[in-house]
Amino acid sequence: MANRTTRIDPAMIDRLADMAHLERDPAAVRKRVEAMENLLERMFTVPGLNRPIGLDVIVGMVPVLGDVVAASLGSWMVWEARNLGMSKFQMTRMMGNVGVDFVLGLVPIIGAIPDFFFRSNTRNLRIIRKHLDKHHPSTVVIEG
């Protein structure tokens, strides 16, 4: 076998460094967090009730495991908040929202009902948006 050496292109390293920076860019974080909240809380509307639901309610129908999955996805939003440099108080509030949603979801049979009304991910998105609007005003998106 021939001994081959692999040369790393310096331009490729620069592009990878730029991509890593974009992942932590507040505008990119805002888009990811909003997409996750939409997936978890407002994926589609229940006909007749005209109330949006998402994966949080659907996965919450599976006892215990569904609540663990939903809490893990909600915790990811808190991790993104940490990457934004949000305060420990704000992150504690967010983890409290996820925790309340998790504990209420553990109640057998009726555990999915609180997911329908207590939208922890929407509450957490509101906290993140408030932080972004104050500390990173260039990320504000005008909806219309």
Protein backbone atom coordinates (compact mmCIF):
# COMPACT_ATOMS: atom_id res chain seq x y z
CA MET A 1 0.00 0.00 0.00
CA ALA A 2 1.12 3.45 -0.80
CA ASN A 3 1.47 5.89 2.03
CA ARG A 4 -0.70 8.88 1.19
CA THR A 5 -0.80 12.08 3.14
CA THR A 6 -3.94 14.16 3.18
CA ARG A 7 -3.53 17.86 2.75
CA ILE A 8 -6.04 20.07 4.48
CA ASP A 9 -7.05 23.09 2.48
CA PRO A 10 -6.72 26.28 4.62
CA ALA A 11 -9.72 27.78 2.82
CA MET A 12 -11.82 24.79 3.94
CA ILE A 13 -10.80 25.42 7.55
CA ASP A 14 -11.87 29.06 7.21
CA ARG A 15 -15.26 28.03 5.78
CA LEU A 16 -15.81 25.54 8.61
CA ALA A 17 -14.93 28.21 11.18
CA ASP A 18 -17.44 30.58 9.54
CA MET A 19 -20.12 27.87 9.65
CA ALA A 20 -19.45 27.22 13.34
CA HIS A 21 -19.85 30.95 14.01
CA LEU A 22 -23.16 31.04 12.10
CA GLU A 23 -24.55 28.33 14.33
CA ARG A 24 -24.13 30.61 17.35
CA ASP A 25 -25.29 33.70 15.50
CA PRO A 26 -28.33 35.13 17.38
CA ALA A 27 -30.40 35.33 14.17
CA ALA A 28 -29.74 31.65 13.43
CA VAL A 29 -30.55 30.70 17.03
CA ARG A 30 -33.82 32.65 16.79
CA LYS A 31 -34.81 30.75 13.64
CA ARG A 32 -33.98 27.37 15.19
CA VAL A 33 -35.79 28.08 18.44
CA GLU A 34 -38.88 29.42 16.64
CA ALA A 35 -38.91 26.35 14.38
CA MET A 36 -38.65 24.03 17.41
CA GLU A 37 -41.48 25.84 19.21
CA ASN A 38 -43.61 25.61 16.09
CA LEU A 39 -42.92 21.87 15.83
CA LEU A 40 -43.65 21.24 19.52
CA GLU A 41 -46.66 23.51 20.01
CA ARG A 42 -48.25 24.55 16.70
CA MET A 43 -47.67 21.85 14.10
CA PHE A 44 -51.34 21.70 13.06
CA THR A 45 -54.77 22.84 14.20
CA VAL A 46 -57.37 20.47 15.67
CA PRO A 47 -60.52 20.66 13.52
CA GLY A 48 -63.58 21.84 15.41
CA LEU A 49 -61.58 23.14 18.37
CA ASN A 50 -59.53 25.52 16.22
CA ARG A 51 -56.66 25.01 18.67
CA PRO A 52 -53.08 24.37 17.48
CA ILE A 53 -51.18 21.35 18.79
CA GLY A 54 -47.77 19.89 18.10
CA LEU A 55 -45.46 17.06 19.00
CA ASP A 56 -45.55 17.95 22.70
CA VAL A 57 -49.19 16.86 22.93
CA ILE A 58 -48.84 13.92 20.53
CA VAL A 59 -45.70 12.46 22.11
CA GLY A 60 -47.15 13.15 25.56
CA MET A 61 -49.79 10.49 24.87
CA VAL A 62 -47.09 7.83 25.33
CA PRO A 63 -46.75 7.28 29.10
CA VAL A 64 -43.46 8.42 30.67
CA LEU A 65 -41.30 7.94 27.55
CA GLY A 66 -43.25 10.58 25.63
CA ASP A 67 -42.87 13.03 28.50
CA VAL A 68 -39.13 12.37 28.67
CA VAL A 69 -38.80 13.01 24.91
CA ALA A 70 -40.87 16.22 25.11
CA ALA A 71 -38.86 17.46 28.11
CA SER A 72 -35.60 16.70 26.26
CA LEU A 73 -36.71 18.74 23.25
CA GLY A 74 -37.82 21.56 25.54
CA SER A 75 -34.47 21.42 27.35
CA TRP A 76 -32.73 21.91 24.02
CA MET A 77 -34.34 25.37 23.87
CA VAL A 78 -32.84 26.14 27.30
CA TRP A 79 -29.44 24.99 26.03
CA GLU A 80 -29.78 27.40 23.09
CA ALA A 81 -30.62 30.14 25.61
CA ARG A 82 -27.40 29.34 27.47
CA ASN A 83 -25.47 29.72 24.22
CA LEU A 84 -27.03 33.18 23.81
CA GLY A 85 -25.64 34.20 27.19
CA MET A 86 -28.99 34.54 28.90
CA SER A 87 -28.99 35.00 32.66
CA LYS A 88 -29.22 32.10 35.11
CA PHE A 89 -32.53 33.52 36.33
CA GLN A 90 -34.02 33.36 32.82
CA MET A 91 -32.70 29.85 32.26
CA THR A 92 -34.05 28.76 35.66
CA ARG A 93 -37.49 30.08 34.68
CA MET A 94 -37.27 28.21 31.40
CA MET A 95 -36.23 24.94 33.09
CA GLY A 96 -39.09 25.48 35.55
CA ASN A 97 -41.51 25.68 32.63
CA VAL A 98 -40.10 22.46 31.16
CA GLY A 99 -40.21 20.80 34.60
CA VAL A 100 -43.84 21.75 35.25
CA ASP A 101 -44.80 20.47 31.80
CA PHE A 102 -42.92 17.22 32.50
CA VAL A 103 -44.46 16.63 35.95
CA LEU A 104 -48.00 17.43 34.77
CA GLY A 105 -47.51 15.08 31.81
CA LEU A 106 -46.63 12.17 34.12
CA VAL A 107 -50.19 12.02 35.49
CA PRO A 108 -51.69 8.80 34.07
CA ILE A 109 -54.45 9.07 31.45
CA ILE A 110 -55.06 12.82 31.80
CA GLY A 111 -51.39 13.79 31.48
CA ALA A 112 -51.82 15.01 27.89
CA ILE A 113 -54.46 17.57 28.87
CA PRO A 114 -52.02 19.95 30.62
CA ASP A 115 -49.81 19.84 27.49
CA PHE A 116 -52.78 21.20 25.58
CA PHE A 117 -53.10 24.25 27.87
CA PHE A 118 -49.69 24.78 29.55
CA ARG A 119 -47.41 25.49 26.62
CA SER A 120 -43.98 25.53 28.20
CA ASN A 121 -42.15 25.88 24.88
CA THR A 122 -44.22 28.91 23.89
CA ARG A 123 -43.48 30.48 27.27
CA ASN A 124 -39.78 29.77 26.80
CA LEU A 125 -39.81 31.20 23.28
CA ARG A 126 -41.32 34.40 24.70
CA ILE A 127 -38.44 34.65 27.21
CA ILE A 128 -35.83 34.06 24.49
CA ARG A 129 -37.46 36.58 22.13
CA LYS A 130 -37.51 39.22 24.86
CA HIS A 131 -33.78 38.65 25.46
CA LEU A 132 -32.97 38.73 21.73
CA ASP A 133 -35.05 41.86 21.14
CA LYS A 134 -33.21 43.66 23.93
CA HIS A 135 -29.64 42.42 23.41
CA HIS A 136 -29.62 41.59 19.67
CA PRO A 137 -32.11 43.98 18.03
CA SER A 138 -30.85 43.13 14.55
CA THR A 139 -32.50 39.69 14.87
CA VAL A 140 -36.02 41.13 15.22
CA VAL A 141 -38.35 39.80 12.55
CA ILE A 142 -41.36 41.88 11.62
CA GLU A 143 -44.34 39.60 11.12
CA GLY A 144 -47.24 40.76 9.06
